[in-house]
Amino acid sequence: MTPSAVAARHGISLRHLQQLFRDRGETVAAGIRRRRLERCRADLADPALLTSPVHTMARRWGFTNASVFSRTFREAYGTSPTEFRHRAVREALARKINEPCAPGTSGGLARP
């Protein structure tokens, strides 16, 4: 995905696209990178994707170099992708464990 491709997809000129982003205080490339990082972060936090390697997720969202992805992620979020994933999955599982049981259930425990 490039700024030119985004402009063409939306039927606007590259100059107009750049102006729209400039009004928001970021470049088109920075906006694309930010969105890609957000998508990677969401995938890394998803316990269902725990078996997918970090570099596979990065590649899915347009990061073709693992070390560049790792450095960019750390700059944006203050932690490595792997560290973020471990923390996010632990927190998600802790929330799941602490959720109240549905009415009328024993929370998986056998009744006496």
C-alpha atoms as a PDB file:
ATOM      1  CA  MET A   1       0.000   0.000   0.000  1.00  0.00           C
ATOM      2  CA  THR A   2       1.397   3.333  -1.054  1.00  0.00           C
ATOM      3  CA  PRO A   3       0.042   6.888  -0.867  1.00  0.00           C
ATOM      4  CA  SER A   4      -0.487   6.815  -4.646  1.00  0.00           C
ATOM      5  CA  ALA A   5      -2.472   3.576  -4.406  1.00  0.00           C
ATOM      6  CA  VAL A   6      -4.620   4.991  -1.590  1.00  0.00           C
ATOM      7  CA  ALA A   7      -5.334   8.147  -3.588  1.00  0.00           C
ATOM      8  CA  ALA A   8      -6.217   6.141  -6.695  1.00  0.00           C
ATOM      9  CA  ARG A   9      -8.466   3.779  -4.713  1.00  0.00           C
ATOM     10  CA  HIS A  10     -10.426   6.739  -3.355  1.00  0.00           C
ATOM     11  CA  GLY A  11     -10.519   8.596  -6.648  1.00  0.00           C
ATOM     12  CA  ILE A  12      -8.605  11.640  -5.434  1.00  0.00           C
ATOM     13  CA  SER A  13      -5.297  13.169  -6.374  1.00  0.00           C
ATOM     14  CA  LEU A  14      -2.165  12.376  -4.411  1.00  0.00           C
ATOM     15  CA  ARG A  15      -1.835  16.069  -3.599  1.00  0.00           C
ATOM     16  CA  HIS A  16      -5.380  16.153  -2.154  1.00  0.00           C
ATOM     17  CA  LEU A  17      -4.696  13.026  -0.076  1.00  0.00           C
ATOM     18  CA  GLN A  18      -1.505  14.566   1.273  1.00  0.00           C
ATOM     19  CA  GLN A  19      -3.404  17.727   2.206  1.00  0.00           C
ATOM     20  CA  LEU A  20      -6.045  15.706   4.067  1.00  0.00           C
ATOM     21  CA  PHE A  21      -3.351  14.020   6.123  1.00  0.00           C
ATOM     22  CA  ARG A  22      -1.442  17.257   6.636  1.00  0.00           C
ATOM     23  CA  ASP A  23      -4.611  18.733   8.156  1.00  0.00           C
ATOM     24  CA  ARG A  24      -4.526  15.828  10.648  1.00  0.00           C
ATOM     25  CA  GLY A  25      -0.882  16.468  11.483  1.00  0.00           C
ATOM     26  CA  GLU A  26       0.668  13.381   9.917  1.00  0.00           C
ATOM     27  CA  THR A  27       1.978  12.255   6.568  1.00  0.00           C
ATOM     28  CA  VAL A  28       0.179   9.679   4.455  1.00  0.00           C
ATOM     29  CA  ALA A  29       3.013   7.200   4.987  1.00  0.00           C
ATOM     30  CA  ALA A  30       2.905   7.745   8.762  1.00  0.00           C
ATOM     31  CA  GLY A  31      -0.859   7.187   8.754  1.00  0.00           C
ATOM     32  CA  ILE A  32      -0.490   3.953   6.792  1.00  0.00           C
ATOM     33  CA  ARG A  33       2.265   2.759   9.139  1.00  0.00           C
ATOM     34  CA  ARG A  34       0.189   3.677  12.207  1.00  0.00           C
ATOM     35  CA  ARG A  35      -2.809   1.679  10.917  1.00  0.00           C
ATOM     36  CA  ARG A  36      -0.613  -1.314  10.090  1.00  0.00           C
ATOM     37  CA  LEU A  37       0.862  -1.214  13.590  1.00  0.00           C
ATOM     38  CA  GLU A  38      -2.625  -0.998  15.122  1.00  0.00           C
ATOM     39  CA  ARG A  39      -3.692  -4.092  13.152  1.00  0.00           C
ATOM     40  CA  CYS A  40      -0.564  -5.983  14.224  1.00  0.00           C
ATOM     41  CA  ARG A  41      -1.138  -4.952  17.842  1.00  0.00           C
ATOM     42  CA  ALA A  42      -4.736  -6.231  17.701  1.00  0.00           C
ATOM     43  CA  ASP A  43      -3.587  -9.554  16.242  1.00  0.00           C
ATOM     44  CA  LEU A  44      -0.852  -9.904  18.862  1.00  0.00           C
ATOM     45  CA  ALA A  45      -3.401  -9.333  21.648  1.00  0.00           C
ATOM     46  CA  ASP A  46      -5.784 -11.990  20.307  1.00  0.00           C
ATOM     47  CA  PRO A  47      -5.388 -15.264  22.258  1.00  0.00           C
ATOM     48  CA  ALA A  48      -6.903 -17.137  19.303  1.00  0.00           C
ATOM     49  CA  LEU A  49      -3.835 -16.192  17.237  1.00  0.00           C
ATOM     50  CA  LEU A  50      -1.307 -17.342  19.827  1.00  0.00           C
ATOM     51  CA  THR A  51       0.067 -20.047  17.532  1.00  0.00           C
ATOM     52  CA  SER A  52       0.737 -17.595  14.681  1.00  0.00           C
ATOM     53  CA  PRO A  53       4.348 -16.400  14.683  1.00  0.00           C
ATOM     54  CA  VAL A  54       4.910 -12.683  15.219  1.00  0.00           C
ATOM     55  CA  HIS A  55       6.665 -12.314  11.863  1.00  0.00           C
ATOM     56  CA  THR A  56       3.654 -13.879  10.095  1.00  0.00           C
ATOM     57  CA  MET A  57       1.345 -11.267  11.606  1.00  0.00           C
ATOM     58  CA  ALA A  58       3.761  -8.506  10.701  1.00  0.00           C
ATOM     59  CA  ARG A  59       3.957  -9.726   7.116  1.00  0.00           C
ATOM     60  CA  ARG A  60       0.130  -9.957   6.907  1.00  0.00           C
ATOM     61  CA  TRP A  61      -0.035  -6.234   7.628  1.00  0.00           C
ATOM     62  CA  GLY A  62       2.728  -5.179   5.249  1.00  0.00           C
ATOM     63  CA  PHE A  63       5.909  -5.383   7.326  1.00  0.00           C
ATOM     64  CA  THR A  64       8.282  -7.477   5.235  1.00  0.00           C
ATOM     65  CA  ASN A  65      11.348  -7.109   7.468  1.00  0.00           C
ATOM     66  CA  ALA A  66      11.023  -8.586  10.963  1.00  0.00           C
ATOM     67  CA  SER A  67      13.702  -6.414  12.550  1.00  0.00           C
ATOM     68  CA  VAL A  68      12.220  -3.222  11.078  1.00  0.00           C
ATOM     69  CA  PHE A  69       8.798  -4.290  12.346  1.00  0.00           C
ATOM     70  CA  SER A  70      10.143  -5.036  15.819  1.00  0.00           C
ATOM     71  CA  ARG A  71      11.965  -1.690  16.019  1.00  0.00           C
ATOM     72  CA  THR A  72       8.940   0.244  14.705  1.00  0.00           C
ATOM     73  CA  PHE A  73       6.590  -1.537  17.119  1.00  0.00           C
ATOM     74  CA  ARG A  74       8.904  -0.814  20.074  1.00  0.00           C
ATOM     75  CA  GLU A  75       9.128   2.868  19.103  1.00  0.00           C
ATOM     76  CA  ALA A  76       5.331   3.109  18.904  1.00  0.00           C
ATOM     77  CA  TYR A  77       4.357   1.076  21.985  1.00  0.00           C
ATOM     78  CA  GLY A  78       7.442   1.030  24.212  1.00  0.00           C
ATOM     79  CA  THR A  79       7.781  -2.764  24.190  1.00  0.00           C
ATOM     80  CA  SER A  80       8.739  -5.493  21.763  1.00  0.00           C
ATOM     81  CA  PRO A  81       5.980  -7.305  19.867  1.00  0.00           C
ATOM     82  CA  THR A  82       6.751 -10.533  21.728  1.00  0.00           C
ATOM     83  CA  GLU A  83       6.671  -8.861  25.152  1.00  0.00           C
ATOM     84  CA  PHE A  84       3.426  -7.105  24.245  1.00  0.00           C
ATOM     85  CA  ARG A  85       1.879 -10.380  23.096  1.00  0.00           C
ATOM     86  CA  HIS A  86       2.785 -12.233  26.299  1.00  0.00           C
ATOM     87  CA  ARG A  87       1.393  -9.460  28.495  1.00  0.00           C
ATOM     88  CA  ALA A  88      -1.790  -9.014  26.431  1.00  0.00           C
ATOM     89  CA  VAL A  89      -2.564 -12.725  26.312  1.00  0.00           C
ATOM     90  CA  ARG A  90      -1.920 -13.103  30.063  1.00  0.00           C
ATOM     91  CA  GLU A  91      -4.283 -10.198  30.760  1.00  0.00           C
ATOM     92  CA  ALA A  92      -6.961 -11.588  28.417  1.00  0.00           C
ATOM     93  CA  LEU A  93      -6.785 -14.991  30.060  1.00  0.00           C
ATOM     94  CA  ALA A  94      -6.901 -13.445  33.544  1.00  0.00           C
ATOM     95  CA  ARG A  95     -10.052 -11.515  32.573  1.00  0.00           C
ATOM     96  CA  LYS A  96     -11.584 -14.703  31.213  1.00  0.00           C
ATOM     97  CA  ILE A  97     -10.810 -16.604  34.425  1.00  0.00           C
ATOM     98  CA  ASN A  98     -12.265 -13.824  36.566  1.00  0.00           C
ATOM     99  CA  GLU A  99     -15.494 -13.442  34.583  1.00  0.00           C
ATOM    100  CA  PRO A 100     -18.575 -14.280  36.608  1.00  0.00           C
ATOM    101  CA  CYS A 101     -20.229 -17.575  35.772  1.00  0.00           C
ATOM    102  CA  ALA A 102     -23.495 -17.612  33.904  1.00  0.00           C
ATOM    103  CA  PRO A 103     -26.570 -17.874  36.174  1.00  0.00           C
ATOM    104  CA  GLY A 104     -27.385 -21.464  37.011  1.00  0.00           C
ATOM    105  CA  THR A 105     -23.894 -22.800  36.373  1.00  0.00           C
ATOM    106  CA  SER A 106     -21.290 -23.957  38.802  1.00  0.00           C
ATOM    107  CA  GLY A 107     -18.413 -22.359  36.937  1.00  0.00           C
ATOM    108  CA  GLY A 108     -17.169 -25.716  35.761  1.00  0.00           C
ATOM    109  CA  LEU A 109     -16.987 -27.147  39.259  1.00  0.00           C
ATOM    110  CA  ALA A 110     -18.786 -30.364  40.063  1.00  0.00           C
ATOM    111  CA  ARG A 111     -21.727 -29.967  42.421  1.00  0.00           C
ATOM    112  CA  PRO A 112     -21.609 -31.928  45.668  1.00  0.00           C
END
